[in-house]
Each structure stands twice: as structure tokens, then as C-alpha cells.
């Protein structure tokens, strides 16, 4: 993406080029900002975004894992 920006390609066009040429792009999250502060984002359709709700069992599992790890770190 940076090479595209260096060649003068706009942020959105650079993201589109990468999205359309990358295998399994749905599992990726891409963010891009150019030297002028213009930004672009590709969230990936198979990714959870920070704003999207996650399944309750997934959150519970993560909490249990964190709790277990915290016990080992305190020793």
C-alpha cells in the first residue's frame, strides 16, 4: 500500500487495489493514512470490530483465560 501511495495513488484506490488482489482478505483489517492525513479503512467481513457485539460465550472464555493468566503472573 505504501508503494502505491508513493506512486501518487489516492488512499481509497490503494486500499481497493490491495483488497481486490489479496487472498483471504475477509480475515484482514487494513488501515491507511497518507502524509496529508487522509485515511482509509477496510474492516474485513470475517473480523469482529471493536464496536460490534461479540458472542457471550466468547467473552466469557476470554475472561476465564485472562483470570487464569493473572493468577500465574502474580506468583
PDB file of N, CA and C in Angstrom:
ATOM      1  N   UNK A   1       0.819  -1.183   0.000  1.00  0.00           N
ATOM      2  CA  UNK A   1       0.000   0.000   0.000  1.00  0.00           C
ATOM      3  C   UNK A   1       0.869   1.256   0.000  1.00  0.00           C
ATOM      4  N   UNK A   2       1.971   1.199   0.743  1.00  0.00           N
ATOM      5  CA  UNK A   2       2.820   2.380   0.815  1.00  0.00           C
ATOM      6  C   UNK A   2       3.449   2.692  -0.534  1.00  0.00           C
ATOM      7  N   UNK A   3       3.790   1.656  -1.288  1.00  0.00           N
ATOM      8  CA  UNK A   3       4.353   1.886  -2.624  1.00  0.00           C
ATOM      9  C   UNK A   3       3.322   2.574  -3.519  1.00  0.00           C
ATOM     10  N   UNK A   4       2.060   2.181  -3.383  1.00  0.00           N
ATOM     11  CA  UNK A   4       1.007   2.823  -4.171  1.00  0.00           C
ATOM     12  C   UNK A   4       0.872   4.297  -3.802  1.00  0.00           C
ATOM     13  N   UNK A   5       0.901   4.593  -2.515  1.00  0.00           N
ATOM     14  CA  UNK A   5       0.834   5.994  -2.081  1.00  0.00           C
ATOM     15  C   UNK A   5       2.034   6.767  -2.612  1.00  0.00           C
ATOM     16  N   UNK A   6       3.200   6.136  -2.574  1.00  0.00           N
ATOM     17  CA  UNK A   6       4.414   6.781  -3.077  1.00  0.00           C
ATOM     18  C   UNK A   6       4.315   7.088  -4.571  1.00  0.00           C
ATOM     19  N   UNK A   7       3.542   6.258  -5.282  1.00  0.00           N
ATOM     20  CA  UNK A   7       3.334   6.478  -6.721  1.00  0.00           C
ATOM     21  C   UNK A   7       2.234   7.496  -7.006  1.00  0.00           C
ATOM     22  N   UNK A   8       1.634   8.067  -5.945  1.00  0.00           N
ATOM     23  CA  UNK A   8       0.622   9.094  -6.126  1.00  0.00           C
ATOM     24  C   UNK A   8      -0.817   8.600  -6.144  1.00  0.00           C
ATOM     25  N   UNK A   9      -1.012   7.326  -5.842  1.00  0.00           N
ATOM     26  CA  UNK A   9      -2.362   6.761  -5.810  1.00  0.00           C
ATOM     27  C   UNK A   9      -3.074   7.256  -4.549  1.00  0.00           C
ATOM     28  N   UNK A  10      -4.356   7.607  -4.666  1.00  0.00           N
ATOM     29  CA  UNK A  10      -5.154   8.056  -3.523  1.00  0.00           C
ATOM     30  C   UNK A  10      -5.348   6.911  -2.520  1.00  0.00           C
ATOM     31  N   UNK A  11      -5.612   7.263  -1.267  1.00  0.00           N
ATOM     32  CA  UNK A  11      -5.762   6.288  -0.189  1.00  0.00           C
ATOM     33  C   UNK A  11      -6.822   5.230  -0.527  1.00  0.00           C
ATOM     34  N   UNK A  12      -8.021   5.671  -0.916  1.00  0.00           N
ATOM     35  CA  UNK A  12      -9.101   4.719  -1.200  1.00  0.00           C
ATOM     36  C   UNK A  12      -8.753   3.788  -2.358  1.00  0.00           C
ATOM     37  N   UNK A  13      -8.096   4.317  -3.371  1.00  0.00           N
ATOM     38  CA  UNK A  13      -7.700   3.499  -4.515  1.00  0.00           C
ATOM     39  C   UNK A  13      -6.620   2.493  -4.119  1.00  0.00           C
ATOM     40  N   UNK A  14      -5.719   2.896  -3.253  1.00  0.00           N
ATOM     41  CA  UNK A  14      -4.672   1.985  -2.781  1.00  0.00           C
ATOM     42  C   UNK A  14      -5.281   0.844  -1.976  1.00  0.00           C
ATOM     43  N   UNK A  15      -6.232   1.173  -1.087  1.00  0.00           N
ATOM     44  CA  UNK A  15      -6.912   0.131  -0.317  1.00  0.00           C
ATOM     45  C   UNK A  15      -7.686  -0.807  -1.237  1.00  0.00           C
ATOM     46  N   UNK A  16      -8.407  -0.253  -2.192  1.00  0.00           N
ATOM     47  CA  UNK A  16      -9.171  -1.081  -3.134  1.00  0.00           C
ATOM     48  C   UNK A  16      -8.266  -2.032  -3.899  1.00  0.00           C
ATOM     49  N   UNK A  17      -7.114  -1.543  -4.318  1.00  0.00           N
ATOM     50  CA  UNK A  17      -6.181  -2.385  -5.070  1.00  0.00           C
ATOM     51  C   UNK A  17      -5.715  -3.565  -4.229  1.00  0.00           C
ATOM     52  N   UNK A  18      -5.404  -3.310  -2.965  1.00  0.00           N
ATOM     53  CA  UNK A  18      -4.949  -4.383  -2.082  1.00  0.00           C
ATOM     54  C   UNK A  18      -6.096  -5.344  -1.765  1.00  0.00           C
ATOM     55  N   UNK A  19      -7.268  -4.809  -1.490  1.00  0.00           N
ATOM     56  CA  UNK A  19      -8.425  -5.650  -1.167  1.00  0.00           C
ATOM     57  C   UNK A  19      -8.759  -6.588  -2.326  1.00  0.00           C
ATOM     58  N   UNK A  20      -8.701  -6.089  -3.541  1.00  0.00           N
ATOM     59  CA  UNK A  20      -9.075  -6.901  -4.694  1.00  0.00           C
ATOM     60  C   UNK A  20      -7.973  -7.847  -5.156  1.00  0.00           C
ATOM     61  N   UNK A  21      -6.781  -7.723  -4.616  1.00  0.00           N
ATOM     62  CA  UNK A  21      -5.685  -8.589  -5.055  1.00  0.00           C
ATOM     63  C   UNK A  21      -5.148  -9.500  -3.955  1.00  0.00           C
ATOM     64  N   UNK A  22      -5.807  -9.513  -2.790  1.00  0.00           N
ATOM     65  CA  UNK A  22      -5.304 -10.288  -1.657  1.00  0.00           C
ATOM     66  C   UNK A  22      -6.218 -11.470  -1.358  1.00  0.00           C
ATOM     67  N   UNK A  23      -5.602 -12.644  -1.282  1.00  0.00           N
ATOM     68  CA  UNK A  23      -6.333 -13.864  -0.927  1.00  0.00           C
ATOM     69  C   UNK A  23      -6.741 -13.796   0.545  1.00  0.00           C
ATOM     70  N   UNK A  24      -7.926 -14.269   0.844  1.00  0.00           N
ATOM     71  CA  UNK A  24      -8.466 -14.316   2.212  1.00  0.00           C
ATOM     72  C   UNK A  24      -8.521 -12.933   2.859  1.00  0.00           C
ATOM     73  N   UNK A  25      -8.807 -11.924   2.060  1.00  0.00           N
ATOM     74  CA  UNK A  25      -8.844 -10.552   2.574  1.00  0.00           C
ATOM     75  C   UNK A  25      -9.921 -10.374   3.646  1.00  0.00           C
ATOM     76  N   UNK A  26     -10.940 -11.212   3.629  1.00  0.00           N
ATOM     77  CA  UNK A  26     -12.013 -11.078   4.624  1.00  0.00           C
ATOM     78  C   UNK A  26     -11.500 -11.300   6.051  1.00  0.00           C
ATOM     79  N   UNK A  27     -10.328 -11.912   6.199  1.00  0.00           N
ATOM     80  CA  UNK A  27      -9.751 -12.143   7.524  1.00  0.00           C
ATOM     81  C   UNK A  27      -8.739 -11.066   7.925  1.00  0.00           C
ATOM     82  N   UNK A  28      -8.626 -10.036   7.138  1.00  0.00           N
ATOM     83  CA  UNK A  28      -7.662  -8.968   7.391  1.00  0.00           C
ATOM     84  C   UNK A  28      -8.368  -7.669   7.774  1.00  0.00           C
ATOM     85  N   UNK A  29      -7.671  -6.857   8.507  1.00  0.00           N
ATOM     86  CA  UNK A  29      -8.117  -5.498   8.787  1.00  0.00           C
ATOM     87  C   UNK A  29      -7.010  -4.570   8.324  1.00  0.00           C
ATOM     88  N   UNK A  30      -7.360  -3.596   7.516  1.00  0.00           N
ATOM     89  CA  UNK A  30      -6.367  -2.685   6.970  1.00  0.00           C
ATOM     90  C   UNK A  30      -6.727  -1.250   7.308  1.00  0.00           C
ATOM     91  N   UNK A  31      -5.738  -0.501   7.666  1.00  0.00           N
ATOM     92  CA  UNK A  31      -5.896   0.928   7.874  1.00  0.00           C
ATOM     93  C   UNK A  31      -4.752   1.633   7.178  1.00  0.00           C
ATOM     94  N   UNK A  32      -5.033   2.786   6.614  1.00  0.00           N
ATOM     95  CA  UNK A  32      -4.013   3.505   5.865  1.00  0.00           C
ATOM     96  C   UNK A  32      -4.210   4.998   6.063  1.00  0.00           C
ATOM     97  N   UNK A  33      -3.116   5.704   6.256  1.00  0.00           N
ATOM     98  CA  UNK A  33      -3.149   7.163   6.356  1.00  0.00           C
ATOM     99  C   UNK A  33      -1.996   7.706   5.523  1.00  0.00           C
ATOM    100  N   UNK A  34      -2.265   8.722   4.744  1.00  0.00           N
ATOM    101  CA  UNK A  34      -1.200   9.292   3.916  1.00  0.00           C
ATOM    102  C   UNK A  34      -0.576  10.510   4.607  1.00  0.00           C
ATOM    103  N   UNK A  35       0.399  11.100   3.965  1.00  0.00           N
ATOM    104  CA  UNK A  35       1.138  12.222   4.549  1.00  0.00           C
ATOM    105  C   UNK A  35       0.278  13.459   4.767  1.00  0.00           C
ATOM    106  N   UNK A  36      -0.895  13.499   4.121  1.00  0.00           N
ATOM    107  CA  UNK A  36      -1.795  14.648   4.258  1.00  0.00           C
ATOM    108  C   UNK A  36      -2.915  14.401   5.267  1.00  0.00           C
ATOM    109  N   UNK A  37      -2.884  13.234   5.911  1.00  0.00           N
ATOM    110  CA  UNK A  37      -3.891  12.911   6.915  1.00  0.00           C
ATOM    111  C   UNK A  37      -5.143  12.256   6.373  1.00  0.00           C
ATOM    112  N   UNK A  38      -5.179  11.953   5.084  1.00  0.00           N
ATOM    113  CA  UNK A  38      -6.337  11.248   4.515  1.00  0.00           C
ATOM    114  C   UNK A  38      -6.249   9.788   4.919  1.00  0.00           C
ATOM    115  N   UNK A  39      -7.387   9.249   5.322  1.00  0.00           N
ATOM    116  CA  UNK A  39      -7.394   7.890   5.856  1.00  0.00           C
ATOM    117  C   UNK A  39      -8.320   6.973   5.073  1.00  0.00           C
ATOM    118  N   UNK A  40      -8.071   5.693   5.236  1.00  0.00           N
ATOM    119  CA  UNK A  40      -8.929   4.668   4.663  1.00  0.00           C
ATOM    120  C   UNK A  40      -8.925   3.468   5.587  1.00  0.00           C
ATOM    121  N   UNK A  41      -9.992   2.689   5.541  1.00  0.00           N
ATOM    122  CA  UNK A  41     -10.137   1.538   6.422  1.00  0.00           C
ATOM    123  C   UNK A  41     -10.836   0.413   5.689  1.00  0.00           C
ATOM    124  N   UNK A  42     -10.338  -0.792   5.870  1.00  0.00           N
ATOM    125  CA  UNK A  42     -11.032  -1.992   5.411  1.00  0.00           C
ATOM    126  C   UNK A  42     -11.174  -2.889   6.630  1.00  0.00           C
ATOM    127  N   UNK A  43     -12.414  -3.116   7.123  1.00  0.00           N
ATOM    128  CA  UNK A  43     -12.604  -3.851   8.374  1.00  0.00           C
ATOM    129  C   UNK A  43     -12.550  -5.360   8.243  1.00  0.00           C
ATOM    130  N   UNK A  44     -12.680  -5.920   7.042  1.00  0.00           N
ATOM    131  CA  UNK A  44     -12.681  -7.369   6.900  1.00  0.00           C
ATOM    132  C   UNK A  44     -14.020  -7.948   7.325  1.00  0.00           C
ATOM    133  N   UNK A  45     -14.668  -8.651   6.450  1.00  0.00           N
ATOM    134  CA  UNK A  45     -16.014  -9.156   6.746  1.00  0.00           C
ATOM    135  C   UNK A  45     -16.026 -10.300   7.748  1.00  0.00           C
ATOM    136  N   UNK A  46     -14.900 -10.979   7.958  1.00  0.00           N
ATOM    137  CA  UNK A  46     -14.847 -12.102   8.897  1.00  0.00           C
ATOM    138  C   UNK A  46     -14.181 -11.701  10.204  1.00  0.00           C
ATOM    139  N   UNK A  47     -14.058 -10.416  10.456  1.00  0.00           N
ATOM    140  CA  UNK A  47     -13.424  -9.911  11.668  1.00  0.00           C
ATOM    141  C   UNK A  47     -14.468  -9.291  12.579  1.00  0.00           C
ATOM    142  N   UNK A  48     -14.219  -9.337  13.876  1.00  0.00           N
ATOM    143  CA  UNK A  48     -15.026  -8.578  14.818  1.00  0.00           C
ATOM    144  C   UNK A  48     -14.451  -7.181  14.884  1.00  0.00           C
ATOM    145  N   UNK A  49     -15.277  -6.189  14.794  1.00  0.00           N
ATOM    146  CA  UNK A  49     -14.764  -4.842  15.019  1.00  0.00           C
ATOM    147  C   UNK A  49     -14.916  -4.533  16.503  1.00  0.00           C
ATOM    148  N   UNK A  50     -14.217  -3.539  16.955  1.00  0.00           N
ATOM    149  CA  UNK A  50     -14.283  -3.169  18.368  1.00  0.00           C
ATOM    150  C   UNK A  50     -15.687  -2.724  18.751  1.00  0.00           C
ATOM    151  N   UNK A  51     -16.441  -2.225  17.776  1.00  0.00           N
ATOM    152  CA  UNK A  51     -17.779  -1.708  18.056  1.00  0.00           C
ATOM    153  C   UNK A  51     -18.869  -2.774  17.933  1.00  0.00           C
ATOM    154  N   UNK A  52     -18.547  -3.916  17.340  1.00  0.00           N
ATOM    155  CA  UNK A  52     -19.594  -4.916  17.139  1.00  0.00           C
ATOM    156  C   UNK A  52     -19.725  -5.812  18.365  1.00  0.00           C
ATOM    157  N   UNK A  53     -20.948  -6.240  18.660  1.00  0.00           N
ATOM    158  CA  UNK A  53     -21.129  -7.135  19.799  1.00  0.00           C
ATOM    159  C   UNK A  53     -20.494  -8.485  19.508  1.00  0.00           C
ATOM    160  N   UNK A  54     -19.930  -9.096  20.517  1.00  0.00           N
ATOM    161  CA  UNK A  54     -19.333 -10.417  20.366  1.00  0.00           C
ATOM    162  C   UNK A  54     -20.187 -11.436  21.096  1.00  0.00           C
ATOM    163  N   UNK A  55     -20.120 -12.682  20.664  1.00  0.00           N
ATOM    164  CA  UNK A  55     -20.912 -13.719  21.339  1.00  0.00           C
ATOM    165  C   UNK A  55     -20.558 -13.791  22.818  1.00  0.00           C
ATOM    166  N   UNK A  56     -21.568 -13.987  23.663  1.00  0.00           N
ATOM    167  CA  UNK A  56     -21.345 -14.009  25.109  1.00  0.00           C
ATOM    168  C   UNK A  56     -20.370 -15.108  25.521  1.00  0.00           C
ATOM    169  N   UNK A  57     -20.474 -16.298  24.908  1.00  0.00           N
ATOM    170  CA  UNK A  57     -19.588 -17.386  25.283  1.00  0.00           C
ATOM    171  C   UNK A  57     -18.133 -17.063  24.932  1.00  0.00           C
ATOM    172  N   UNK A  58     -17.920 -16.307  23.886  1.00  0.00           N
ATOM    173  CA  UNK A  58     -16.569 -15.904  23.508  1.00  0.00           C
ATOM    174  C   UNK A  58     -15.989 -14.957  24.556  1.00  0.00           C
ATOM    175  N   UNK A  59     -16.792 -14.016  25.015  1.00  0.00           N
ATOM    176  CA  UNK A  59     -16.348 -13.067  26.030  1.00  0.00           C
ATOM    177  C   UNK A  59     -16.074 -13.801  27.341  1.00  0.00           C
ATOM    178  N   UNK A  60     -16.937 -14.712  27.720  1.00  0.00           N
ATOM    179  CA  UNK A  60     -16.742 -15.472  28.956  1.00  0.00           C
ATOM    180  C   UNK A  60     -15.467 -16.296  28.888  1.00  0.00           C
ATOM    181  N   UNK A  61     -15.206 -16.886  27.751  1.00  0.00           N
ATOM    182  CA  UNK A  61     -13.996 -17.677  27.574  1.00  0.00           C
ATOM    183  C   UNK A  61     -12.750 -16.807  27.724  1.00  0.00           C
ATOM    184  N   UNK A  62     -12.792 -15.626  27.146  1.00  0.00           N
ATOM    185  CA  UNK A  62     -11.649 -14.709  27.252  1.00  0.00           C
ATOM    186  C   UNK A  62     -11.441 -14.254  28.692  1.00  0.00           C
ATOM    187  N   UNK A  63     -12.538 -14.009  29.394  1.00  0.00           N
ATOM    188  CA  UNK A  63     -12.413 -13.576  30.782  1.00  0.00           C
ATOM    189  C   UNK A  63     -11.792 -14.679  31.632  1.00  0.00           C
ATOM    190  N   UNK A  64     -12.184 -15.916  31.395  1.00  0.00           N
ATOM    191  CA  UNK A  64     -11.628 -17.038  32.144  1.00  0.00           C
ATOM    192  C   UNK A  64     -10.142 -17.187  31.847  1.00  0.00           C
ATOM    193  N   UNK A  65      -9.766 -17.032  30.595  1.00  0.00           N
ATOM    194  CA  UNK A  65      -8.361 -17.130  30.214  1.00  0.00           C
ATOM    195  C   UNK A  65      -7.549 -16.025  30.878  1.00  0.00           C
ATOM    196  N   UNK A  66      -8.057 -14.809  30.861  1.00  0.00           N
ATOM    197  CA  UNK A  66      -7.360 -13.683  31.485  1.00  0.00           C
ATOM    198  C   UNK A  66      -7.221 -13.901  32.983  1.00  0.00           C
ATOM    199  N   UNK A  67      -8.274 -14.400  33.612  1.00  0.00           N
ATOM    200  CA  UNK A  67      -8.242 -14.652  35.042  1.00  0.00           C
ATOM    201  C   UNK A  67      -7.176 -15.693  35.377  1.00  0.00           C
ATOM    202  N   UNK A  68      -7.095 -16.743  34.594  1.00  0.00           N
ATOM    203  CA  UNK A  68      -6.097 -17.793  34.806  1.00  0.00           C
ATOM    204  C   UNK A  68      -4.691 -17.237  34.620  1.00  0.00           C
ATOM    205  N   UNK A  69      -4.490 -16.453  33.581  1.00  0.00           N
ATOM    206  CA  UNK A  69      -3.170 -15.888  33.319  1.00  0.00           C
ATOM    207  C   UNK A  69      -2.753 -14.927  34.427  1.00  0.00           C
ATOM    208  N   UNK A  70      -3.707 -14.158  34.954  1.00  0.00           N
ATOM    209  CA  UNK A  70      -3.388 -13.226  36.032  1.00  0.00           C
ATOM    210  C   UNK A  70      -2.897 -13.956  37.280  1.00  0.00           C
ATOM    211  N   UNK A  71      -3.476 -15.122  37.560  1.00  0.00           N
ATOM    212  CA  UNK A  71      -3.040 -15.893  38.735  1.00  0.00           C
ATOM    213  C   UNK A  71      -1.589 -16.331  38.585  1.00  0.00           C
ATOM    214  N   UNK A  72      -1.191 -16.732  37.382  1.00  0.00           N
ATOM    215  CA  UNK A  72       0.189 -17.172  37.173  1.00  0.00           C
ATOM    216  C   UNK A  72       1.166 -16.009  37.205  1.00  0.00           C
ATOM    217  N   UNK A  73       0.752 -14.854  36.775  1.00  0.00           N
ATOM    218  CA  UNK A  73       1.641 -13.702  36.727  1.00  0.00           C
ATOM    219  C   UNK A  73       1.907 -13.139  38.124  1.00  0.00           C
ATOM    220  N   UNK A  74       1.007 -13.361  39.058  1.00  0.00           N
ATOM    221  CA  UNK A  74       1.172 -12.808  40.412  1.00  0.00           C
ATOM    222  C   UNK A  74       2.206 -13.580  41.228  1.00  0.00           C
ATOM    223  N   UNK A  75       2.479 -14.798  40.849  1.00  0.00           N
ATOM    224  CA  UNK A  75       3.388 -15.632  41.667  1.00  0.00           C
ATOM    225  C   UNK A  75       4.810 -15.223  41.515  1.00  0.00           C
TER     226      UNK A  75
END
